[in-house]
Amino acid sequence: PLHYAAAGAYLKVARRLLKMKKYDVNARTKEGWTPLHIAVIQKVRALVELLLVNGAKLNATDNYGWTPLHLAVKNNVEILNILLEGNYIIKRVDCDGCTPLIGAAAAGSTAAVEILLDHG
């Protein structure tokens, strides 16, 4: 259910589900995506923050080794900054050996490249 709330950007629904404490905030789809991966793709800052406050794992990887940070560098600089406030493993590589920095450069996201370089 949290995955569906994230996919539909249903913040109120996600809040209710998390309040019930019946649903794992780090549950994975068959592709290995957590609700946080999906919220990052949907570019919903409030939902990303809600999931993080409720224990979403920043360094969770999908079946390809992508973390939410790998997705944020291609998708949304504002969310990238939120993720970097946490204890993120910034140099984590995906199944192709690419770090989020390489992904940002490949996507042509100059802003994301600069932010990542500033964070080491």
PDB file of N, CA and C in Angstrom:
ATOM      1  N   PRO A   1       0.788  -1.220   0.000  1.00  0.00           N
ATOM      2  CA  PRO A   1       0.000   0.000   0.000  1.00  0.00           C
ATOM      3  C   PRO A   1       0.828   1.281   0.000  1.00  0.00           C
ATOM      4  N   LEU A   2       1.970   1.281   0.692  1.00  0.00           N
ATOM      5  CA  LEU A   2       2.797   2.489   0.691  1.00  0.00           C
ATOM      6  C   LEU A   2       3.365   2.777  -0.691  1.00  0.00           C
ATOM      7  N   HIS A   3       3.652   1.724  -1.439  1.00  0.00           N
ATOM      8  CA  HIS A   3       4.153   1.920  -2.803  1.00  0.00           C
ATOM      9  C   HIS A   3       3.100   2.612  -3.667  1.00  0.00           C
ATOM     10  N   TYR A   4       1.850   2.206  -3.502  1.00  0.00           N
ATOM     11  CA  TYR A   4       0.770   2.830  -4.273  1.00  0.00           C
ATOM     12  C   TYR A   4       0.565   4.278  -3.850  1.00  0.00           C
ATOM     13  N   ALA A   5       0.665   4.543  -2.555  1.00  0.00           N
ATOM     14  CA  ALA A   5       0.535   5.920  -2.068  1.00  0.00           C
ATOM     15  C   ALA A   5       1.658   6.783  -2.637  1.00  0.00           C
ATOM     16  N   ALA A   6       2.868   6.240  -2.678  1.00  0.00           N
ATOM     17  CA  ALA A   6       3.997   6.984  -3.234  1.00  0.00           C
ATOM     18  C   ALA A   6       3.825   7.199  -4.732  1.00  0.00           C
ATOM     19  N   ALA A   7       3.401   6.161  -5.440  1.00  0.00           N
ATOM     20  CA  ALA A   7       3.232   6.269  -6.893  1.00  0.00           C
ATOM     21  C   ALA A   7       2.167   7.287  -7.268  1.00  0.00           C
ATOM     22  N   GLY A   8       1.133   7.381  -6.458  1.00  0.00           N
ATOM     23  CA  GLY A   8       0.066   8.335  -6.733  1.00  0.00           C
ATOM     24  C   GLY A   8       0.271   9.677  -6.063  1.00  0.00           C
ATOM     25  N   ALA A   9       1.394   9.812  -5.361  1.00  0.00           N
ATOM     26  CA  ALA A   9       1.699  11.044  -4.620  1.00  0.00           C
ATOM     27  C   ALA A   9       0.598  11.373  -3.621  1.00  0.00           C
ATOM     28  N   TYR A  10       0.050  10.339  -2.998  1.00  0.00           N
ATOM     29  CA  TYR A  10      -1.028  10.503  -2.021  1.00  0.00           C
ATOM     30  C   TYR A  10      -0.428  10.671  -0.625  1.00  0.00           C
ATOM     31  N   LEU A  11      -0.078  11.884  -0.297  1.00  0.00           N
ATOM     32  CA  LEU A  11       0.577  12.177   0.968  1.00  0.00           C
ATOM     33  C   LEU A  11      -0.306  11.835   2.166  1.00  0.00           C
ATOM     34  N   LYS A  12      -1.572  12.206   2.107  1.00  0.00           N
ATOM     35  CA  LYS A  12      -2.480  11.927   3.232  1.00  0.00           C
ATOM     36  C   LYS A  12      -2.641  10.427   3.460  1.00  0.00           C
ATOM     37  N   VAL A  13      -2.732   9.684   2.385  1.00  0.00           N
ATOM     38  CA  VAL A  13      -2.864   8.227   2.495  1.00  0.00           C
ATOM     39  C   VAL A  13      -1.590   7.640   3.112  1.00  0.00           C
ATOM     40  N   ALA A  14      -0.449   8.101   2.648  1.00  0.00           N
ATOM     41  CA  ALA A  14       0.820   7.606   3.192  1.00  0.00           C
ATOM     42  C   ALA A  14       0.913   7.899   4.686  1.00  0.00           C
ATOM     43  N   ARG A  15       0.514   9.093   5.091  1.00  0.00           N
ATOM     44  CA  ARG A  15       0.527   9.442   6.526  1.00  0.00           C
ATOM     45  C   ARG A  15      -0.328   8.469   7.336  1.00  0.00           C
ATOM     46  N   ARG A  16      -1.525   8.194   6.825  1.00  0.00           N
ATOM     47  CA  ARG A  16      -2.434   7.280   7.542  1.00  0.00           C
ATOM     48  C   ARG A  16      -1.850   5.876   7.632  1.00  0.00           C
ATOM     49  N   LEU A  17      -1.302   5.407   6.528  1.00  0.00           N
ATOM     50  CA  LEU A  17      -0.719   4.062   6.519  1.00  0.00           C
ATOM     51  C   LEU A  17       0.438   3.965   7.509  1.00  0.00           C
ATOM     52  N   LEU A  18       1.277   4.977   7.531  1.00  0.00           N
ATOM     53  CA  LEU A  18       2.414   4.962   8.449  1.00  0.00           C
ATOM     54  C   LEU A  18       1.964   5.075   9.900  1.00  0.00           C
ATOM     55  N   LYS A  19       0.926   5.833  10.129  1.00  0.00           N
ATOM     56  CA  LYS A  19       0.393   5.990  11.488  1.00  0.00           C
ATOM     57  C   LYS A  19      -0.148   4.662  12.016  1.00  0.00           C
ATOM     58  N   MET A  20      -0.679   3.828  11.124  1.00  0.00           N
ATOM     59  CA  MET A  20      -1.224   2.530  11.517  1.00  0.00           C
ATOM     60  C   MET A  20      -0.127   1.564  11.972  1.00  0.00           C
ATOM     61  N   LYS A  21       1.100   1.813  11.536  1.00  0.00           N
ATOM     62  CA  LYS A  21       2.262   0.980  11.882  1.00  0.00           C
ATOM     63  C   LYS A  21       2.098  -0.483  11.476  1.00  0.00           C
ATOM     64  N   LYS A  22       1.342  -0.721  10.420  1.00  0.00           N
ATOM     65  CA  LYS A  22       1.159  -2.081   9.906  1.00  0.00           C
ATOM     66  C   LYS A  22       2.022  -2.340   8.671  1.00  0.00           C
ATOM     67  N   TYR A  23       2.549  -1.270   8.083  1.00  0.00           N
ATOM     68  CA  TYR A  23       3.223  -1.400   6.799  1.00  0.00           C
ATOM     69  C   TYR A  23       4.697  -1.034   6.920  1.00  0.00           C
ATOM     70  N   ASP A  24       5.521  -1.842   6.324  1.00  0.00           N
ATOM     71  CA  ASP A  24       6.967  -1.651   6.362  1.00  0.00           C
ATOM     72  C   ASP A  24       7.361  -0.520   5.417  1.00  0.00           C
ATOM     73  N   VAL A  25       7.946   0.531   5.968  1.00  0.00           N
ATOM     74  CA  VAL A  25       8.355   1.685   5.170  1.00  0.00           C
ATOM     75  C   VAL A  25       9.473   1.311   4.193  1.00  0.00           C
ATOM     76  N   ASN A  26      10.132   0.184   4.422  1.00  0.00           N
ATOM     77  CA  ASN A  26      11.213  -0.265   3.543  1.00  0.00           C
ATOM     78  C   ASN A  26      10.850  -1.511   2.733  1.00  0.00           C
ATOM     79  N   ALA A  27       9.562  -1.805   2.637  1.00  0.00           N
ATOM     80  CA  ALA A  27       9.122  -2.950   1.824  1.00  0.00           C
ATOM     81  C   ALA A  27       9.567  -2.740   0.377  1.00  0.00           C
ATOM     82  N   ARG A  28       9.799  -3.845  -0.306  1.00  0.00           N
ATOM     83  CA  ARG A  28      10.314  -3.766  -1.681  1.00  0.00           C
ATOM     84  C   ARG A  28       9.343  -4.386  -2.683  1.00  0.00           C
ATOM     85  N   THR A  29       9.354  -3.810  -3.872  1.00  0.00           N
ATOM     86  CA  THR A  29       8.616  -4.403  -4.984  1.00  0.00           C
ATOM     87  C   THR A  29       9.474  -5.524  -5.563  1.00  0.00           C
ATOM     88  N   LYS A  30       8.966  -6.231  -6.561  1.00  0.00           N
ATOM     89  CA  LYS A  30       9.770  -7.292  -7.175  1.00  0.00           C
ATOM     90  C   LYS A  30      11.021  -6.725  -7.850  1.00  0.00           C
ATOM     91  N   GLU A  31      11.000  -5.420  -8.181  1.00  0.00           N
ATOM     92  CA  GLU A  31      12.175  -4.757  -8.765  1.00  0.00           C
ATOM     93  C   GLU A  31      13.141  -4.270  -7.690  1.00  0.00           C
ATOM     94  N   GLY A  32      12.717  -4.393  -6.433  1.00  0.00           N
ATOM     95  CA  GLY A  32      13.551  -3.960  -5.325  1.00  0.00           C
ATOM     96  C   GLY A  32      13.321  -2.523  -4.892  1.00  0.00           C
ATOM     97  N   TRP A  33      12.320  -1.869  -5.451  1.00  0.00           N
ATOM     98  CA  TRP A  33      12.049  -0.474  -5.107  1.00  0.00           C
ATOM     99  C   TRP A  33      11.323  -0.367  -3.780  1.00  0.00           C
ATOM    100  N   THR A  34      11.749   0.592  -2.991  1.00  0.00           N
ATOM    101  CA  THR A  34      11.064   0.927  -1.752  1.00  0.00           C
ATOM    102  C   THR A  34      10.121   2.100  -2.038  1.00  0.00           C
ATOM    103  N   PRO A  35       9.229   2.405  -1.119  1.00  0.00           N
ATOM    104  CA  PRO A  35       8.399   3.598  -1.315  1.00  0.00           C
ATOM    105  C   PRO A  35       9.242   4.867  -1.511  1.00  0.00           C
ATOM    106  N   LEU A  36      10.423   4.917  -0.877  1.00  0.00           N
ATOM    107  CA  LEU A  36      11.289   6.087  -1.050  1.00  0.00           C
ATOM    108  C   LEU A  36      11.779   6.217  -2.486  1.00  0.00           C
ATOM    109  N   HIS A  37      12.169   5.119  -3.113  1.00  0.00           N
ATOM    110  CA  HIS A  37      12.561   5.168  -4.526  1.00  0.00           C
ATOM    111  C   HIS A  37      11.436   5.806  -5.353  1.00  0.00           C
ATOM    112  N   ILE A  38      10.225   5.353  -5.105  1.00  0.00           N
ATOM    113  CA  ILE A  38       9.075   5.823  -5.888  1.00  0.00           C
ATOM    114  C   ILE A  38       8.773   7.286  -5.592  1.00  0.00           C
ATOM    115  N   ALA A  39       8.840   7.684  -4.333  1.00  0.00           N
ATOM    116  CA  ALA A  39       8.582   9.084  -3.970  1.00  0.00           C
ATOM    117  C   ALA A  39       9.604  10.017  -4.616  1.00  0.00           C
ATOM    118  N   VAL A  40      10.851   9.565  -4.710  1.00  0.00           N
ATOM    119  CA  VAL A  40      11.888  10.368  -5.367  1.00  0.00           C
ATOM    120  C   VAL A  40      11.551  10.546  -6.842  1.00  0.00           C
ATOM    121  N   ILE A  41      11.153   9.474  -7.496  1.00  0.00           N
ATOM    122  CA  ILE A  41      10.782   9.558  -8.914  1.00  0.00           C
ATOM    123  C   ILE A  41       9.585  10.483  -9.116  1.00  0.00           C
ATOM    124  N   GLN A  42       8.642  10.430  -8.193  1.00  0.00           N
ATOM    125  CA  GLN A  42       7.435  11.263  -8.294  1.00  0.00           C
ATOM    126  C   GLN A  42       7.705  12.727  -7.947  1.00  0.00           C
ATOM    127  N   LYS A  43       8.875  13.005  -7.401  1.00  0.00           N
ATOM    128  CA  LYS A  43       9.293  14.373  -7.063  1.00  0.00           C
ATOM    129  C   LYS A  43       8.395  15.026  -6.014  1.00  0.00           C
ATOM    130  N   VAL A  44       8.003  14.248  -5.014  1.00  0.00           N
ATOM    131  CA  VAL A  44       7.122  14.773  -3.969  1.00  0.00           C
ATOM    132  C   VAL A  44       7.942  14.956  -2.692  1.00  0.00           C
ATOM    133  N   ARG A  45       8.418  16.177  -2.513  1.00  0.00           N
ATOM    134  CA  ARG A  45       9.291  16.492  -1.378  1.00  0.00           C
ATOM    135  C   ARG A  45       8.671  16.078  -0.039  1.00  0.00           C
ATOM    136  N   ALA A  46       7.429  16.464   0.196  1.00  0.00           N
ATOM    137  CA  ALA A  46       6.783  16.175   1.486  1.00  0.00           C
ATOM    138  C   ALA A  46       6.696  14.672   1.736  1.00  0.00           C
ATOM    139  N   LEU A  47       6.473  13.897   0.695  1.00  0.00           N
ATOM    140  CA  LEU A  47       6.390  12.447   0.839  1.00  0.00           C
ATOM    141  C   LEU A  47       7.772  11.851   1.126  1.00  0.00           C
ATOM    142  N   VAL A  48       8.787  12.354   0.448  1.00  0.00           N
ATOM    143  CA  VAL A  48      10.158  11.915   0.716  1.00  0.00           C
ATOM    144  C   VAL A  48      10.499  12.187   2.181  1.00  0.00           C
ATOM    145  N   GLU A  49      10.198  13.395   2.642  1.00  0.00           N
ATOM    146  CA  GLU A  49      10.481  13.754   4.037  1.00  0.00           C
ATOM    147  C   GLU A  49       9.698  12.874   5.014  1.00  0.00           C
ATOM    148  N   LEU A  50       8.435  12.621   4.710  1.00  0.00           N
ATOM    149  CA  LEU A  50       7.605  11.772   5.567  1.00  0.00           C
ATOM    150  C   LEU A  50       8.197  10.368   5.682  1.00  0.00           C
ATOM    151  N   LEU A  51       8.589   9.800   4.573  1.00  0.00           N
ATOM    152  CA  LEU A  51       9.164   8.454   4.583  1.00  0.00           C
ATOM    153  C   LEU A  51      10.475   8.423   5.364  1.00  0.00           C
ATOM    154  N   LEU A  52      11.302   9.437   5.186  1.00  0.00           N
ATOM    155  CA  LEU A  52      12.576   9.489   5.908  1.00  0.00           C
ATOM    156  C   LEU A  52      12.364   9.597   7.415  1.00  0.00           C
ATOM    157  N   VAL A  53      11.445  10.443   7.825  1.00  0.00           N
ATOM    158  CA  VAL A  53      11.142  10.608   9.253  1.00  0.00           C
ATOM    159  C   VAL A  53      10.637   9.297   9.848  1.00  0.00           C
ATOM    160  N   ASN A  54       9.996   8.481   9.028  1.00  0.00           N
ATOM    161  CA  ASN A  54       9.430   7.213   9.493  1.00  0.00           C
ATOM    162  C   ASN A  54      10.358   6.024   9.260  1.00  0.00           C
ATOM    163  N   GLY A  55      11.632   6.296   8.999  1.00  0.00           N
ATOM    164  CA  GLY A  55      12.619   5.223   8.953  1.00  0.00           C
ATOM    165  C   GLY A  55      12.985   4.662   7.595  1.00  0.00           C
ATOM    166  N   ALA A  56      12.612   5.337   6.519  1.00  0.00           N
ATOM    167  CA  ALA A  56      13.013   4.856   5.192  1.00  0.00           C
ATOM    168  C   ALA A  56      14.538   4.843   5.105  1.00  0.00           C
ATOM    169  N   LYS A  57      15.075   3.781   4.546  1.00  0.00           N
ATOM    170  CA  LYS A  57      16.524   3.627   4.442  1.00  0.00           C
ATOM    171  C   LYS A  57      17.051   4.383   3.227  1.00  0.00           C
ATOM    172  N   LEU A  58      17.940   5.326   3.493  1.00  0.00           N
ATOM    173  CA  LEU A  58      18.536   6.137   2.430  1.00  0.00           C
ATOM    174  C   LEU A  58      19.345   5.310   1.444  1.00  0.00           C
ATOM    175  N   ASN A  59      20.008   4.289   1.951  1.00  0.00           N
ATOM    176  CA  ASN A  59      20.927   3.516   1.122  1.00  0.00           C
ATOM    177  C   ASN A  59      20.327   2.226   0.568  1.00  0.00           C
ATOM    178  N   ALA A  60      19.012   2.100   0.622  1.00  0.00           N
ATOM    179  CA  ALA A  60      18.357   0.907   0.068  1.00  0.00           C
ATOM    180  C   ALA A  60      18.614   0.837  -1.436  1.00  0.00           C
ATOM    181  N   THR A  61      18.986  -0.346  -1.896  1.00  0.00           N
ATOM    182  CA  THR A  61      19.247  -0.516  -3.327  1.00  0.00           C
ATOM    183  C   THR A  61      18.175  -1.387  -3.964  1.00  0.00           C
ATOM    184  N   ASP A  62      17.892  -1.091  -5.231  1.00  0.00           N
ATOM    185  CA  ASP A  62      16.958  -1.934  -5.973  1.00  0.00           C
ATOM    186  C   ASP A  62      17.739  -3.080  -6.609  1.00  0.00           C
ATOM    187  N   ASN A  63      17.121  -3.816  -7.483  1.00  0.00           N
ATOM    188  CA  ASN A  63      17.767  -4.982  -8.097  1.00  0.00           C
ATOM    189  C   ASN A  63      18.951  -4.618  -8.987  1.00  0.00           C
ATOM    190  N   TYR A  64      19.073  -3.340  -9.331  1.00  0.00           N
ATOM    191  CA  TYR A  64      20.165  -2.881 -10.187  1.00  0.00           C
ATOM    192  C   TYR A  64      21.211  -2.090  -9.404  1.00  0.00           C
ATOM    193  N   GLY A  65      21.042  -2.042  -8.093  1.00  0.00           N
ATOM    194  CA  GLY A  65      21.983  -1.317  -7.261  1.00  0.00           C
ATOM    195  C   GLY A  65      21.695   0.168  -7.143  1.00  0.00           C
ATOM    196  N   TRP A  66      20.557   0.609  -7.667  1.00  0.00           N
ATOM    197  CA  TRP A  66      20.202   2.027  -7.592  1.00  0.00           C
ATOM    198  C   TRP A  66      19.636   2.358  -6.216  1.00  0.00           C
ATOM    199  N   THR A  67      20.159   3.409  -5.641  1.00  0.00           N
ATOM    200  CA  THR A  67      19.614   3.958  -4.407  1.00  0.00           C
ATOM    201  C   THR A  67      18.682   5.119  -4.781  1.00  0.00           C
ATOM    202  N   PRO A  68      17.924   5.629  -3.846  1.00  0.00           N
ATOM    203  CA  PRO A  68      17.135   6.823  -4.151  1.00  0.00           C
ATOM    204  C   PRO A  68      18.002   7.979  -4.665  1.00  0.00           C
ATOM    205  N   LEU A  69      19.248   8.051  -4.206  1.00  0.00           N
ATOM    206  CA  LEU A  69      20.147   9.106  -4.681  1.00  0.00           C
ATOM    207  C   LEU A  69      20.457   8.950  -6.164  1.00  0.00           C
ATOM    208  N   HIS A  70      20.645   7.724  -6.636  1.00  0.00           N
ATOM    209  CA  HIS A  70      20.874   7.496  -8.066  1.00  0.00           C
ATOM    210  C   HIS A  70      19.714   8.055  -8.890  1.00  0.00           C
ATOM    211  N   LEU A  71      18.513   7.962  -8.354  1.00  0.00           N
ATOM    212  CA  LEU A  71      17.330   8.467  -9.058  1.00  0.00           C
ATOM    213  C   LEU A  71      17.211   9.980  -8.937  1.00  0.00           C
ATOM    214  N   ALA A  72      17.531  10.517  -7.776  1.00  0.00           N
ATOM    215  CA  ALA A  72      17.371  11.956  -7.539  1.00  0.00           C
ATOM    216  C   ALA A  72      18.304  12.791  -8.406  1.00  0.00           C
ATOM    217  N   VAL A  73      19.497  12.293  -8.693  1.00  0.00           N
ATOM    218  CA  VAL A  73      20.443  13.101  -9.475  1.00  0.00           C
ATOM    219  C   VAL A  73      19.950  13.332 -10.895  1.00  0.00           C
ATOM    220  N   LYS A  74      19.094  12.462 -11.367  1.00  0.00           N
ATOM    221  CA  LYS A  74      18.554  12.589 -12.721  1.00  0.00           C
ATOM    222  C   LYS A  74      17.210  13.290 -12.716  1.00  0.00           C
ATOM    223  N   ASN A  75      16.672  13.503 -11.537  1.00  0.00           N
ATOM    224  CA  ASN A  75      15.261  13.812 -11.411  1.00  0.00           C
ATOM    225  C   ASN A  75      14.943  15.128 -10.729  1.00  0.00           C
ATOM    226  N   ASN A  76      15.637  15.449  -9.629  1.00  0.00           N
ATOM    227  CA  ASN A  76      15.191  16.579  -8.831  1.00  0.00           C
ATOM    228  C   ASN A  76      16.273  17.019  -7.848  1.00  0.00           C
ATOM    229  N   VAL A  77      16.814  18.211  -8.078  1.00  0.00           N
ATOM    230  CA  VAL A  77      17.888  18.734  -7.239  1.00  0.00           C
ATOM    231  C   VAL A  77      17.398  19.026  -5.823  1.00  0.00           C
ATOM    232  N   GLU A  78      16.172  19.486  -5.674  1.00  0.00           N
ATOM    233  CA  GLU A  78      15.622  19.766  -4.345  1.00  0.00           C
ATOM    234  C   GLU A  78      15.595  18.489  -3.496  1.00  0.00           C
ATOM    235  N   ILE A  79      15.136  17.411  -4.079  1.00  0.00           N
ATOM    236  CA  ILE A  79      15.096  16.136  -3.350  1.00  0.00           C
ATOM    237  C   ILE A  79      16.506  15.596  -3.133  1.00  0.00           C
ATOM    238  N   LEU A  80      17.390  15.822  -4.075  1.00  0.00           N
ATOM    239  CA  LEU A  80      18.791  15.436  -3.904  1.00  0.00           C
ATOM    240  C   LEU A  80      19.354  16.071  -2.632  1.00  0.00           C
ATOM    241  N   ASN A  81      19.090  17.344  -2.437  1.00  0.00           N
ATOM    242  CA  ASN A  81      19.578  18.036  -1.237  1.00  0.00           C
ATOM    243  C   ASN A  81      18.986  17.448   0.040  1.00  0.00           C
ATOM    244  N   ILE A  82      17.724  17.076   0.015  1.00  0.00           N
ATOM    245  CA  ILE A  82      17.089  16.456   1.185  1.00  0.00           C
ATOM    246  C   ILE A  82      17.777  15.130   1.513  1.00  0.00           C
ATOM    247  N   LEU A  83      18.012  14.327   0.502  1.00  0.00           N
ATOM    248  CA  LEU A  83      18.652  13.026   0.720  1.00  0.00           C
ATOM    249  C   LEU A  83      20.067  13.189   1.268  1.00  0.00           C
ATOM    250  N   LEU A  84      20.765  14.205   0.796  1.00  0.00           N
ATOM    251  CA  LEU A  84      22.146  14.403   1.228  1.00  0.00           C
ATOM    252  C   LEU A  84      22.258  14.916   2.659  1.00  0.00           C
ATOM    253  N   GLU A  85      21.149  15.331   3.243  1.00  0.00           N
ATOM    254  CA  GLU A  85      21.151  15.720   4.656  1.00  0.00           C
ATOM    255  C   GLU A  85      21.312  14.492   5.555  1.00  0.00           C
ATOM    256  N   GLY A  86      20.993  13.331   5.025  1.00  0.00           N
ATOM    257  CA  GLY A  86      21.081  12.093   5.798  1.00  0.00           C
ATOM    258  C   GLY A  86      22.461  11.474   5.707  1.00  0.00           C
ATOM    259  N   ASN A  87      22.596  10.301   6.276  1.00  0.00           N
ATOM    260  CA  ASN A  87      23.862   9.574   6.298  1.00  0.00           C
ATOM    261  C   ASN A  87      23.964   8.712   5.042  1.00  0.00           C
ATOM    262  N   TYR A  88      24.222   9.356   3.941  1.00  0.00           N
ATOM    263  CA  TYR A  88      24.198   8.695   2.646  1.00  0.00           C
ATOM    264  C   TYR A  88      25.576   8.200   2.234  1.00  0.00           C
ATOM    265  N   ILE A  89      25.630   7.030   1.642  1.00  0.00           N
ATOM    266  CA  ILE A  89      26.882   6.540   1.053  1.00  0.00           C
ATOM    267  C   ILE A  89      26.910   7.086  -0.368  1.00  0.00           C
ATOM    268  N   ILE A  90      27.589   8.205  -0.528  1.00  0.00           N
ATOM    269  CA  ILE A  90      27.513   8.973  -1.770  1.00  0.00           C
ATOM    270  C   ILE A  90      28.224   8.286  -2.942  1.00  0.00           C
ATOM    271  N   LYS A  91      29.179   7.420  -2.648  1.00  0.00           N
ATOM    272  CA  LYS A  91      29.960   6.786  -3.715  1.00  0.00           C
ATOM    273  C   LYS A  91      29.506   5.365  -4.020  1.00  0.00           C
ATOM    274  N   ARG A  92      28.326   4.998  -3.570  1.00  0.00           N
ATOM    275  CA  ARG A  92      27.802   3.652  -3.825  1.00  0.00           C
ATOM    276  C   ARG A  92      27.623   3.457  -5.333  1.00  0.00           C
ATOM    277  N   VAL A  93      28.037   2.309  -5.827  1.00  0.00           N
ATOM    278  CA  VAL A  93      27.933   2.030  -7.260  1.00  0.00           C
ATOM    279  C   VAL A  93      26.751   1.118  -7.550  1.00  0.00           C
ATOM    280  N   ASP A  94      26.187   1.289  -8.736  1.00  0.00           N
ATOM    281  CA  ASP A  94      25.092   0.421  -9.167  1.00  0.00           C
ATOM    282  C   ASP A  94      25.675  -0.798  -9.881  1.00  0.00           C
ATOM    283  N   CYS A  95      24.837  -1.596 -10.509  1.00  0.00           N
ATOM    284  CA  CYS A  95      25.303  -2.841 -11.139  1.00  0.00           C
ATOM    285  C   CYS A  95      26.220  -2.590 -12.337  1.00  0.00           C
ATOM    286  N   ASP A  96      26.216  -1.366 -12.862  1.00  0.00           N
ATOM    287  CA  ASP A  96      27.096  -1.011 -13.977  1.00  0.00           C
ATOM    288  C   ASP A  96      28.367  -0.314 -13.507  1.00  0.00           C
ATOM    289  N   GLY A  97      28.526  -0.204 -12.194  1.00  0.00           N
ATOM    290  CA  GLY A  97      29.696   0.457 -11.643  1.00  0.00           C
ATOM    291  C   GLY A  97      29.590   1.973 -11.612  1.00  0.00           C
ATOM    292  N   CYS A  98      28.380   2.496 -11.784  1.00  0.00           N
ATOM    293  CA  CYS A  98      28.178   3.947 -11.813  1.00  0.00           C
ATOM    294  C   CYS A  98      27.780   4.483 -10.444  1.00  0.00           C
ATOM    295  N   THR A  99      28.402   5.562 -10.060  1.00  0.00           N
ATOM    296  CA  THR A  99      28.024   6.273  -8.842  1.00  0.00           C
ATOM    297  C   THR A  99      26.943   7.294  -9.195  1.00  0.00           C
ATOM    298  N   PRO A 100      26.292   7.871  -8.190  1.00  0.00           N
ATOM    299  CA  PRO A 100      25.343   8.946  -8.487  1.00  0.00           C
ATOM    300  C   PRO A 100      25.996  10.102  -9.255  1.00  0.00           C
ATOM    301  N   LEU A 101      27.268  10.386  -8.984  1.00  0.00           N
ATOM    302  CA  LEU A 101      27.963  11.456  -9.706  1.00  0.00           C
ATOM    303  C   LEU A 101      28.050  11.144 -11.196  1.00  0.00           C
ATOM    304  N   ILE A 102      28.389   9.936 -11.525  1.00  0.00           N
ATOM    305  CA  ILE A 102      28.447   9.535 -12.938  1.00  0.00           C
ATOM    306  C   ILE A 102      27.056   9.637 -13.562  1.00  0.00           C
ATOM    307  N   GLY A 103      26.033   9.213 -12.826  1.00  0.00           N
ATOM    308  CA  GLY A 103      24.659   9.313 -13.319  1.00  0.00           C
ATOM    309  C   GLY A 103      24.242  10.746 -13.565  1.00  0.00           C
ATOM    310  N   ALA A 104      24.623  11.647 -12.665  1.00  0.00           N
ATOM    311  CA  ALA A 104      24.288  13.065 -12.826  1.00  0.00           C
ATOM    312  C   ALA A 104      24.966  13.640 -14.060  1.00  0.00           C
ATOM    313  N   ALA A 105      26.238  13.295 -14.251  1.00  0.00           N
ATOM    314  CA  ALA A 105      26.967  13.782 -15.420  1.00  0.00           C
ATOM    315  C   ALA A 105      26.363  13.228 -16.707  1.00  0.00           C
ATOM    316  N   ALA A 106      26.034  11.943 -16.706  1.00  0.00           N
ATOM    317  CA  ALA A 106      25.435  11.318 -17.891  1.00  0.00           C
ATOM    318  C   ALA A 106      24.080  11.929 -18.228  1.00  0.00           C
ATOM    319  N   ALA A 107      23.344  12.353 -17.189  1.00  0.00           N
ATOM    320  CA  ALA A 107      22.026  12.963 -17.401  1.00  0.00           C
ATOM    321  C   ALA A 107      22.136  14.441 -17.769  1.00  0.00           C
ATOM    322  N   GLY A 108      23.349  14.976 -17.720  1.00  0.00           N
ATOM    323  CA  GLY A 108      23.543  16.388 -18.047  1.00  0.00           C
ATOM    324  C   GLY A 108      23.064  17.334 -16.963  1.00  0.00           C
ATOM    325  N   SER A 109      22.991  16.849 -15.743  1.00  0.00           N
ATOM    326  CA  SER A 109      22.516  17.670 -14.625  1.00  0.00           C
ATOM    327  C   SER A 109      23.704  18.355 -13.946  1.00  0.00           C
ATOM    328  N   THR A 110      24.074  19.505 -14.482  1.00  0.00           N
ATOM    329  CA  THR A 110      25.203  20.262 -13.947  1.00  0.00           C
ATOM    330  C   THR A 110      25.000  20.600 -12.478  1.00  0.00           C
ATOM    331  N   ALA A 111      23.794  20.993 -12.119  1.00  0.00           N
ATOM    332  CA  ALA A 111      23.499  21.353 -10.726  1.00  0.00           C
ATOM    333  C   ALA A 111      23.734  20.161  -9.801  1.00  0.00           C
ATOM    334  N   ALA A 112      23.267  18.979 -10.205  1.00  0.00           N
ATOM    335  CA  ALA A 112      23.456  17.779  -9.379  1.00  0.00           C
ATOM    336  C   ALA A 112      24.936  17.427  -9.270  1.00  0.00           C
ATOM    337  N   VAL A 113      25.677  17.565 -10.358  1.00  0.00           N
ATOM    338  CA  VAL A 113      27.119  17.296 -10.331  1.00  0.00           C
ATOM    339  C   VAL A 113      27.798  18.211  -9.316  1.00  0.00           C
ATOM    340  N   GLU A 114      27.478  19.496  -9.372  1.00  0.00           N
ATOM    341  CA  GLU A 114      28.090  20.458  -8.445  1.00  0.00           C
ATOM    342  C   GLU A 114      27.740  20.143  -6.992  1.00  0.00           C
ATOM    343  N   ILE A 115      26.494  19.803  -6.742  1.00  0.00           N
ATOM    344  CA  ILE A 115      26.062  19.467  -5.379  1.00  0.00           C
ATOM    345  C   ILE A 115      26.809  18.238  -4.870  1.00  0.00           C
ATOM    346  N   LEU A 116      26.908  17.215  -5.696  1.00  0.00           N
ATOM    347  CA  LEU A 116      27.604  15.989  -5.283  1.00  0.00           C
ATOM    348  C   LEU A 116      29.087  16.249  -5.035  1.00  0.00           C
ATOM    349  N   LEU A 117      29.707  17.053  -5.884  1.00  0.00           N
ATOM    350  CA  LEU A 117      31.118  17.377  -5.679  1.00  0.00           C
ATOM    351  C   LEU A 117      31.321  18.152  -4.377  1.00  0.00           C
ATOM    352  N   ASP A 118      30.386  19.024  -4.059  1.00  0.00           N
ATOM    353  CA  ASP A 118      30.460  19.776  -2.799  1.00  0.00           C
ATOM    354  C   ASP A 118      30.322  18.865  -1.584  1.00  0.00           C
ATOM    355  N   HIS A 119      29.647  17.732  -1.751  1.00  0.00           N
ATOM    356  CA  HIS A 119      29.443  16.788  -0.643  1.00  0.00           C
ATOM    357  C   HIS A 119      30.516  15.697  -0.589  1.00  0.00           C
ATOM    358  N   GLY A 120      31.504  15.800  -1.447  1.00  0.00           N
ATOM    359  CA  GLY A 120      32.615  14.857  -1.392  1.00  0.00           C
ATOM    360  C   GLY A 120      32.407  13.666  -2.233  1.00  0.00           C
TER     361      GLY A 120
END
